[in-house]
Amino acid sequence: MNNKVKSLHEQVAAALIEKLEKGTAPWQKPWNSSSTDFNLPYNALTGNRYKGINIFSLLNAGREDPRWLTFKQADAKGWQVNKGEKGTLVQFVKTHDLVPKLDEKGNKVLDENGKTIKVKTALERAIVTAAWVFNAEQISGIPKLEVQPQIKSEWDPVVRAEDLVLLSGAVINHKKGDEAYYSLRSDSITMPLKEQFATPDRYYATLLHELGHWTGHEDRLNRSLFNRFGSENYAREELRAEIASMLIGDEFKIGHDPGQHVAYVKSWIEILKNNPFEIHAAATDAEKIFNYLLDFERKRELNQNIENRNQQKIDSKLFIGDIISYKDSVYKIVGQLKRGRLQVEEQNTETKFVLSKSDKLYQSLLEAKNGMEEKMPIISTLKEEVQKASYGLKR
């Protein structure tokens, strides 16, 4: 008898094969933003959504409540895991560990209560670590999940989804018909007319699914897209786009519609049977698609922060140390006097004088200063932030 414990991807693949055969796999279930309280699994303490294959491990548990916690997290909040409950397996990559802090002699450093102080230390090599989490339904004392009332909307654009499409710069063509697809040859998306969709949610859910395929272009995430319809690789790409659509639908609260993807079910089952690790790879790629698209929003937000900071600089005042070129002279603010007055040195002649905010020259120097700063490079720290947020935009 083989008592070997199956790895997480083997467990998830086996469960998904069974659900695919029944038509109940997570990405096979249509859900509408106005008629469901669906949420992907997230940690009740941090609020962070679980990623990759962990999503399916938790969804396969069949719980109604999307909140999960480790035993220690529940205990720390004063909540209690019910007796006899079994945890659900998840895994994460561990890059740091907590180790005792040592003094110069190699002795452990203690805090005021006599407990060992621990410090976060990077591991030489990242390791995959298993953890078991419990659903809120298995925990006593945890507050009841608050359900937000769903508001039914008329046919108005879903602003966030529309903004994302515009930020992406993807070429979108509309024509009357029943086909929605991404063309690698023309690097463009073709969609039916908006009025052919019953609701805005359905339109944007379909469009963002195709935008998921669009990310596979060699200049973006560079996935294999030259695949014959009906081939295994074609089905593999559809699996990634479907999972990504589920993630985006949850993030944007526009729902998820599996559409006409019944044709791929047989291929998906065969792929997972032959290679259970494929679900891990597909979920990882789906997260990359999700992050690539959300990067457009992050970049815009950071650029807005830059603009706001520059605007704050425009509204600033003169400070000691400011050196300002105005007309044919250079002025330096050398001192601060009472009642907000400044001591200024005209450096060409080394003449010093007192300047008040009410003086016309003060406003002229302030405008000249702001004009100089607008031409200066953007604050380096903010440039670094934008580059970090754009990690998914280059390979």
Protein backbone atom coordinates (compact mmCIF):
# COMPACT_ATOMS: atom_id res chain seq x y z
CA MET A 1 0.00 0.00 0.00
CA ASN A 2 1.38 3.40 -1.02
CA ASN A 3 1.12 5.79 1.93
CA LYS A 4 3.18 8.54 0.31
CA VAL A 5 1.63 11.96 0.97
CA LYS A 6 0.82 13.71 -2.29
CA SER A 7 2.35 17.12 -2.96
CA LEU A 8 0.08 20.16 -2.98
CA HIS A 9 -0.06 20.40 -6.78
CA GLU A 10 -0.95 16.70 -7.02
CA GLN A 11 -3.76 17.13 -4.49
CA VAL A 12 -5.09 20.23 -6.23
CA ALA A 13 -4.84 18.68 -9.70
CA ALA A 14 -6.74 15.55 -8.59
CA ALA A 15 -9.52 17.65 -7.05
CA LEU A 16 -9.75 19.90 -10.11
CA ILE A 17 -9.96 16.94 -12.50
CA GLU A 18 -12.99 15.71 -10.57
CA LYS A 19 -14.55 19.18 -10.60
CA LEU A 20 -13.81 19.69 -14.31
CA GLU A 21 -15.64 16.47 -15.08
CA LYS A 22 -18.64 17.81 -13.16
CA GLY A 23 -18.35 21.34 -14.57
CA THR A 24 -17.73 22.83 -11.13
CA ALA A 25 -14.07 23.95 -11.32
CA PRO A 26 -13.69 27.49 -9.92
CA TRP A 27 -13.12 29.10 -13.31
CA GLN A 28 -16.04 27.15 -14.84
CA LYS A 29 -18.58 28.80 -12.58
CA PRO A 30 -20.13 32.00 -13.95
CA TRP A 31 -20.82 34.67 -11.35
CA ASN A 32 -22.31 38.11 -11.68
CA SER A 33 -21.18 41.10 -9.64
CA SER A 34 -24.76 42.14 -8.86
CA SER A 35 -26.03 38.74 -7.76
CA THR A 36 -23.34 37.16 -5.61
CA ASP A 37 -21.07 37.80 -2.65
CA PHE A 38 -18.25 35.77 -4.19
CA ASN A 39 -14.72 36.54 -3.00
CA LEU A 40 -11.48 34.69 -3.56
CA PRO A 41 -9.83 33.31 -0.40
CA TYR A 42 -7.95 35.85 1.70
CA ASN A 43 -6.21 35.98 5.06
CA ALA A 44 -8.55 37.35 7.71
CA LEU A 45 -5.70 38.97 9.65
CA THR A 46 -3.71 40.63 6.85
CA GLY A 47 -6.51 41.05 4.31
CA ASN A 48 -4.18 39.73 1.61
CA ARG A 49 -5.56 37.43 -1.08
CA TYR A 50 -3.95 34.00 -1.32
CA LYS A 51 -1.91 33.56 -4.49
CA GLY A 52 -1.27 30.96 -7.16
CA ILE A 53 -2.04 27.33 -6.44
CA ASN A 54 -3.13 28.21 -2.88
CA ILE A 55 -6.30 29.75 -4.32
CA PHE A 56 -7.40 26.38 -5.67
CA SER A 57 -6.35 24.45 -2.59
CA LEU A 58 -8.66 26.69 -0.54
CA LEU A 59 -11.49 26.90 -3.07
CA ASN A 60 -11.50 23.11 -3.35
CA ALA A 61 -12.32 22.97 0.37
CA GLY A 62 -15.82 24.15 -0.56
CA ARG A 63 -16.22 26.79 2.15
CA GLU A 64 -18.68 29.67 1.84
CA ASP A 65 -16.62 32.10 3.93
CA PRO A 66 -13.54 33.42 2.06
CA ARG A 67 -11.55 34.15 5.25
CA TRP A 68 -8.70 31.89 6.38
CA LEU A 69 -6.20 31.91 9.26
CA THR A 70 -3.39 29.82 10.68
CA PHE A 71 -3.92 28.36 14.16
CA LYS A 72 -1.47 30.90 15.63
CA GLN A 73 -3.17 33.84 13.92
CA ALA A 74 -6.57 32.80 15.26
CA ASP A 75 -5.14 32.28 18.74
CA ALA A 76 -3.44 35.70 18.66
CA LYS A 77 -6.85 37.31 18.07
CA GLY A 78 -8.44 35.36 20.91
CA TRP A 79 -10.40 33.13 18.54
CA GLN A 80 -10.44 29.35 18.85
CA VAL A 81 -10.23 26.67 16.18
CA ASN A 82 -13.06 24.23 16.89
CA LYS A 83 -12.04 20.85 18.30
CA GLY A 84 -11.49 18.17 15.68
CA GLU A 85 -11.23 20.56 12.73
CA LYS A 86 -8.65 19.79 10.04
CA GLY A 87 -6.56 22.47 8.35
CA THR A 88 -6.20 23.01 4.61
CA LEU A 89 -2.72 22.89 3.09
CA VAL A 90 -1.14 25.96 1.51
CA GLN A 91 2.48 26.69 0.67
CA PHE A 92 4.61 29.80 0.48
CA VAL A 93 8.15 30.75 -0.40
CA LYS A 94 10.19 31.62 2.66
CA THR A 95 13.04 34.09 2.06
CA HIS A 96 13.70 35.22 5.66
CA ASP A 97 13.76 33.67 9.11
CA LEU A 98 13.68 34.99 12.66
CA VAL A 99 16.87 34.16 14.58
CA PRO A 100 18.06 35.14 18.07
CA LYS A 101 19.94 38.43 18.25
CA LEU A 102 23.50 37.92 19.57
CA ASP A 103 25.84 40.33 21.31
CA GLU A 104 29.56 40.74 20.57
CA LYS A 105 30.36 37.64 22.65
CA GLY A 106 27.82 35.47 20.86
CA ASN A 107 25.30 35.49 23.71
CA LYS A 108 21.57 35.91 23.12
CA VAL A 109 20.26 39.43 23.69
CA LEU A 110 17.23 39.60 25.99
CA ASP A 111 14.52 42.24 26.23
CA GLU A 112 13.33 43.89 29.46
CA ASN A 113 11.07 40.89 30.14
CA GLY A 114 13.90 38.39 29.79
CA LYS A 115 12.75 37.07 26.42
CA THR A 116 15.15 36.52 23.54
CA ILE A 117 15.09 39.30 20.95
CA LYS A 118 14.80 37.95 17.42
CA VAL A 119 15.87 39.61 14.19
CA LYS A 120 14.80 39.01 10.60
CA THR A 121 17.60 37.41 8.58
CA ALA A 122 17.69 36.58 4.88
CA LEU A 123 18.08 32.89 4.02
CA GLU A 124 20.89 31.84 1.70
CA ARG A 125 18.32 30.07 -0.46
CA ALA A 126 14.56 30.56 -0.56
CA ILE A 127 12.61 27.49 0.52
CA VAL A 128 9.04 26.34 -0.10
CA THR A 129 7.27 25.93 3.23
CA ALA A 130 3.95 24.25 3.99
CA ALA A 131 1.32 25.68 6.31
CA TRP A 132 -2.17 24.66 7.35
CA VAL A 133 -4.93 27.23 7.54
CA PHE A 134 -8.46 27.10 8.92
CA ASN A 135 -11.58 28.66 7.47
CA ALA A 136 -13.63 31.15 9.47
CA GLU A 137 -16.41 28.55 9.54
CA GLN A 138 -14.07 26.35 11.62
CA ILE A 139 -13.27 29.08 14.16
CA SER A 140 -15.25 30.22 17.20
CA GLY A 141 -15.24 33.87 18.22
CA ILE A 142 -14.43 35.32 14.81
CA PRO A 143 -16.84 38.13 13.86
CA LYS A 144 -19.50 37.35 11.30
CA LEU A 145 -18.54 38.18 7.72
CA GLU A 146 -20.01 41.52 6.72
CA VAL A 147 -21.68 41.28 3.33
CA GLN A 148 -21.65 44.47 1.30
CA PRO A 149 -24.98 45.21 -0.41
CA GLN A 150 -24.79 44.77 -4.15
CA ILE A 151 -26.03 47.68 -6.25
CA LYS A 152 -27.56 46.95 -9.60
CA SER A 153 -26.16 49.30 -12.25
CA GLU A 154 -27.54 50.42 -15.59
CA TRP A 155 -25.53 50.24 -18.82
CA ASP A 156 -22.70 52.56 -17.79
CA PRO A 157 -19.01 51.94 -18.34
CA VAL A 158 -17.21 50.24 -15.48
CA VAL A 159 -14.79 53.09 -14.88
CA ARG A 160 -11.88 51.15 -13.42
CA ALA A 161 -11.96 48.49 -16.14
CA GLU A 162 -12.25 51.11 -18.88
CA ASP A 163 -9.33 53.05 -17.41
CA LEU A 164 -7.17 49.92 -17.33
CA VAL A 165 -7.91 49.16 -20.99
CA LEU A 166 -6.98 52.73 -21.95
CA LEU A 167 -3.81 52.66 -19.83
CA SER A 168 -2.70 49.42 -21.49
CA GLY A 169 -2.65 51.03 -24.92
CA ALA A 170 -4.02 47.83 -26.46
CA VAL A 171 -5.65 48.18 -29.87
CA ILE A 172 -9.35 47.27 -29.55
CA ASN A 173 -11.54 46.83 -32.64
CA HIS A 174 -15.32 46.40 -32.45
CA LYS A 175 -17.50 44.76 -35.05
CA LYS A 176 -20.92 43.16 -35.05
CA GLY A 177 -20.66 39.42 -34.49
CA ASP A 178 -20.27 36.79 -31.81
CA GLU A 179 -16.48 36.51 -31.66
CA ALA A 180 -14.05 37.98 -29.14
CA TYR A 181 -10.38 37.18 -29.71
CA TYR A 182 -6.80 38.42 -29.60
CA SER A 183 -4.80 38.30 -32.84
CA LEU A 184 -1.07 37.84 -32.37
CA ARG A 185 -0.35 38.75 -36.01
CA SER A 186 -1.96 42.19 -35.74
CA ASP A 187 -1.39 42.50 -31.98
CA SER A 188 -4.99 43.62 -31.55
CA ILE A 189 -8.21 42.56 -29.84
CA THR A 190 -11.50 42.17 -31.70
CA MET A 191 -14.72 42.50 -29.71
CA PRO A 192 -18.45 42.39 -30.54
CA LEU A 193 -20.26 45.73 -30.24
CA LYS A 194 -20.87 46.92 -26.67
CA GLU A 195 -24.63 46.92 -27.15
CA GLN A 196 -24.52 43.19 -27.90
CA PHE A 197 -23.69 42.49 -24.24
CA ALA A 198 -26.46 42.26 -21.65
CA THR A 199 -24.54 44.29 -19.05
CA PRO A 200 -21.34 46.35 -18.83
CA ASP A 201 -19.87 43.69 -16.53
CA ARG A 202 -20.17 41.02 -19.22
CA TYR A 203 -18.51 43.26 -21.79
CA TYR A 204 -15.54 44.14 -19.59
CA ALA A 205 -15.15 40.59 -18.26
CA THR A 206 -14.82 39.40 -21.87
CA LEU A 207 -12.51 42.24 -22.86
CA LEU A 208 -10.20 41.73 -19.88
CA HIS A 209 -10.04 38.00 -20.69
CA GLU A 210 -8.74 38.89 -24.15
CA LEU A 211 -6.39 41.45 -22.60
CA GLY A 212 -4.98 38.52 -20.63
CA HIS A 213 -4.08 36.83 -23.94
CA TRP A 214 -2.67 40.18 -25.14
CA THR A 215 -0.07 40.09 -22.34
CA GLY A 216 1.47 36.98 -23.92
CA HIS A 217 3.02 38.95 -26.81
CA GLU A 218 6.82 38.64 -27.03
CA ASP A 219 7.23 42.31 -26.06
CA ARG A 220 5.25 41.72 -22.85
CA LEU A 221 5.22 38.42 -20.92
CA ASN A 222 6.35 36.39 -23.94
CA ARG A 223 4.21 33.26 -23.70
CA SER A 224 3.79 30.79 -26.56
CA LEU A 225 0.76 32.06 -28.51
CA PHE A 226 1.26 30.61 -32.00
CA ASN A 227 -0.85 27.58 -31.15
CA ARG A 228 -3.24 25.70 -33.41
CA PHE A 229 -6.86 25.81 -32.23
CA GLY A 230 -7.66 22.58 -30.40
CA SER A 231 -4.02 21.80 -29.63
CA GLU A 232 -2.71 21.10 -26.13
CA ASN A 233 -0.76 24.37 -26.06
CA TYR A 234 -3.87 26.28 -27.10
CA ALA A 235 -5.75 24.75 -24.16
CA ARG A 236 -2.84 25.54 -21.82
CA GLU A 237 -2.99 29.23 -22.80
CA GLU A 238 -6.76 29.28 -22.32
CA LEU A 239 -6.33 27.79 -18.85
CA ARG A 240 -4.01 30.65 -17.91
CA ALA A 241 -6.35 33.28 -19.31
CA GLU A 242 -9.36 31.75 -17.54
CA ILE A 243 -7.63 31.73 -14.16
CA ALA A 244 -6.41 35.31 -14.73
CA SER A 245 -9.99 36.32 -15.65
CA MET A 246 -11.19 34.89 -12.35
CA LEU A 247 -8.56 36.92 -10.45
CA ILE A 248 -9.40 40.12 -12.34
CA GLY A 249 -13.14 39.57 -11.95
CA ASP A 250 -12.68 39.33 -8.19
CA GLU A 251 -10.39 42.38 -8.03
CA PHE A 252 -12.64 44.59 -10.17
CA LYS A 253 -15.91 43.11 -8.88
CA ILE A 254 -17.21 42.70 -12.44
CA GLY A 255 -17.90 38.98 -12.16
CA HIS A 256 -16.61 36.14 -14.28
CA ASP A 257 -18.14 34.41 -17.30
CA PRO A 258 -16.46 31.23 -18.61
CA GLY A 259 -18.23 31.79 -21.91
CA GLN A 260 -17.69 29.21 -24.63
CA HIS A 261 -14.78 27.38 -22.99
CA VAL A 262 -16.51 24.03 -22.57
CA ALA A 263 -14.50 22.86 -25.59
CA TYR A 264 -11.29 22.97 -23.55
CA VAL A 265 -12.48 20.86 -20.62
CA LYS A 266 -11.40 17.53 -22.10
CA SER A 267 -7.94 18.94 -22.90
CA TRP A 268 -7.58 20.44 -19.42
CA ILE A 269 -8.42 17.12 -17.80
CA GLU A 270 -5.90 15.30 -19.98
CA ILE A 271 -3.20 17.89 -19.31
CA LEU A 272 -3.66 17.70 -15.52
CA LYS A 273 -3.71 13.90 -15.56
CA ASN A 274 -0.48 13.74 -17.54
CA ASN A 275 1.24 16.51 -15.60
CA PRO A 276 -0.31 17.57 -12.26
CA PHE A 277 2.32 20.30 -11.88
CA GLU A 278 0.65 22.13 -14.79
CA ILE A 279 -1.91 23.64 -12.41
CA HIS A 280 0.94 25.18 -10.40
CA ALA A 281 2.52 26.60 -13.57
CA ALA A 282 -0.82 27.86 -14.90
CA ALA A 283 -1.74 29.55 -11.62
CA THR A 284 1.70 31.18 -11.46
CA ASP A 285 1.38 32.49 -15.02
CA ALA A 286 -2.14 33.75 -14.26
CA GLU A 287 -0.74 35.76 -11.33
CA LYS A 288 1.86 37.22 -13.72
CA ILE A 289 -0.92 38.25 -16.11
CA PHE A 290 -2.87 39.79 -13.22
CA ASN A 291 0.16 41.71 -11.94
CA TYR A 292 1.20 42.86 -15.42
CA LEU A 293 -2.21 44.44 -16.01
CA LEU A 294 -2.49 45.91 -12.52
CA ASP A 295 0.96 47.48 -13.01
CA PHE A 296 -0.64 50.01 -15.34
CA GLU A 297 -2.73 51.26 -12.42
CA ARG A 298 0.25 51.26 -10.06
CA LYS A 299 2.33 53.29 -12.51
CA ARG A 300 -0.42 55.86 -12.90
CA GLU A 301 -0.81 56.17 -9.14
CA LEU A 302 2.92 56.72 -8.66
CA ASN A 303 3.03 59.27 -11.47
CA GLN A 304 0.14 61.09 -9.81
CA ASN A 305 2.15 61.11 -6.57
CA ILE A 306 5.03 62.67 -8.47
CA GLU A 307 2.72 65.34 -9.89
CA ASN A 308 1.26 66.02 -6.44
CA ARG A 309 4.72 66.43 -4.94
CA ASN A 310 5.76 68.73 -7.75
CA GLN A 311 2.56 70.73 -7.18
CA GLN A 312 3.42 70.98 -3.50
CA LYS A 313 6.81 72.34 -4.48
CA ILE A 314 5.14 74.97 -6.67
CA ASP A 315 3.08 76.14 -3.67
CA SER A 316 6.15 76.31 -1.39
CA LYS A 317 7.96 79.37 -0.09
CA LEU A 318 11.53 80.59 -0.16
CA PHE A 319 13.98 78.93 2.23
CA ILE A 320 17.46 79.64 3.56
CA GLY A 321 19.97 78.26 1.07
CA ASP A 322 17.79 78.80 -2.02
CA ILE A 323 19.84 80.10 -4.95
CA ILE A 324 17.64 81.60 -7.64
CA SER A 325 18.46 83.00 -11.07
CA TYR A 326 16.17 85.90 -11.94
CA LYS A 327 16.64 88.15 -14.93
CA ASP A 328 20.38 88.88 -15.05
CA SER A 329 21.06 88.35 -11.36
CA VAL A 330 21.54 85.47 -8.93
CA TYR A 331 19.94 85.73 -5.48
CA LYS A 332 20.75 83.64 -2.42
CA ILE A 333 18.55 83.43 0.70
CA VAL A 334 21.11 83.73 3.50
CA GLY A 335 19.05 84.36 6.64
CA GLN A 336 15.67 84.28 8.39
CA LEU A 337 14.55 87.40 10.26
CA LYS A 338 11.54 88.16 12.44
CA ARG A 339 8.00 88.37 11.07
CA GLY A 340 8.87 86.03 8.19
CA ARG A 341 11.32 88.39 6.54
CA LEU A 342 14.36 87.05 4.73
CA GLN A 343 17.91 88.29 4.31
CA VAL A 344 18.90 88.06 0.66
CA GLU A 345 22.25 88.45 -1.07
CA GLU A 346 22.44 89.59 -4.68
CA GLN A 347 25.52 87.56 -5.57
CA ASN A 348 26.64 89.52 -8.62
CA THR A 349 27.26 92.62 -6.49
CA GLU A 350 27.40 90.91 -3.06
CA THR A 351 24.70 93.32 -1.91
CA LYS A 352 22.52 92.18 1.01
CA PHE A 353 18.96 93.37 1.66
CA VAL A 354 15.79 92.41 3.54
CA LEU A 355 12.87 90.86 1.64
CA SER A 356 9.26 90.50 2.84
CA LYS A 357 6.53 88.25 1.44
CA SER A 358 4.57 91.34 0.46
CA ASP A 359 7.38 92.57 -1.80
CA LYS A 360 6.91 92.04 -5.52
CA LEU A 361 10.45 90.66 -5.77
CA TYR A 362 9.55 87.87 -3.31
CA GLN A 363 6.82 86.58 -5.60
CA SER A 364 9.05 86.96 -8.64
CA LEU A 365 11.83 84.96 -6.99
CA LEU A 366 9.32 82.28 -5.87
CA GLU A 367 7.98 81.93 -9.41
CA ALA A 368 11.52 81.77 -10.79
CA LYS A 369 12.43 79.11 -8.22
CA ASN A 370 9.44 76.95 -9.13
CA GLY A 371 10.22 77.38 -12.80
CA MET A 372 13.74 76.10 -12.18
CA GLU A 373 12.49 73.07 -10.20
CA GLU A 374 10.01 72.09 -12.91
CA LYS A 375 12.95 71.69 -15.28
CA MET A 376 14.97 69.65 -12.79
CA PRO A 377 14.90 65.79 -12.87
CA ILE A 378 12.07 64.12 -10.93
CA ILE A 379 12.99 63.12 -7.39
CA SER A 380 15.19 60.03 -7.70
CA THR A 381 13.34 58.06 -5.04
CA LEU A 382 10.08 58.44 -6.90
CA LYS A 383 11.71 57.40 -10.16
CA GLU A 384 12.89 54.25 -8.42
CA GLU A 385 9.35 53.58 -7.21
CA VAL A 386 7.99 53.85 -10.75
CA GLN A 387 10.68 51.48 -12.01
CA LYS A 388 9.80 48.96 -9.27
CA ALA A 389 6.11 49.13 -10.15
CA SER A 390 7.00 48.49 -13.79
CA TYR A 391 8.82 45.23 -13.09
CA GLY A 392 6.27 43.34 -15.13
CA LEU A 393 6.59 45.60 -18.16
CA LYS A 394 10.00 44.32 -19.25
CA ARG A 395 11.55 40.91 -19.42
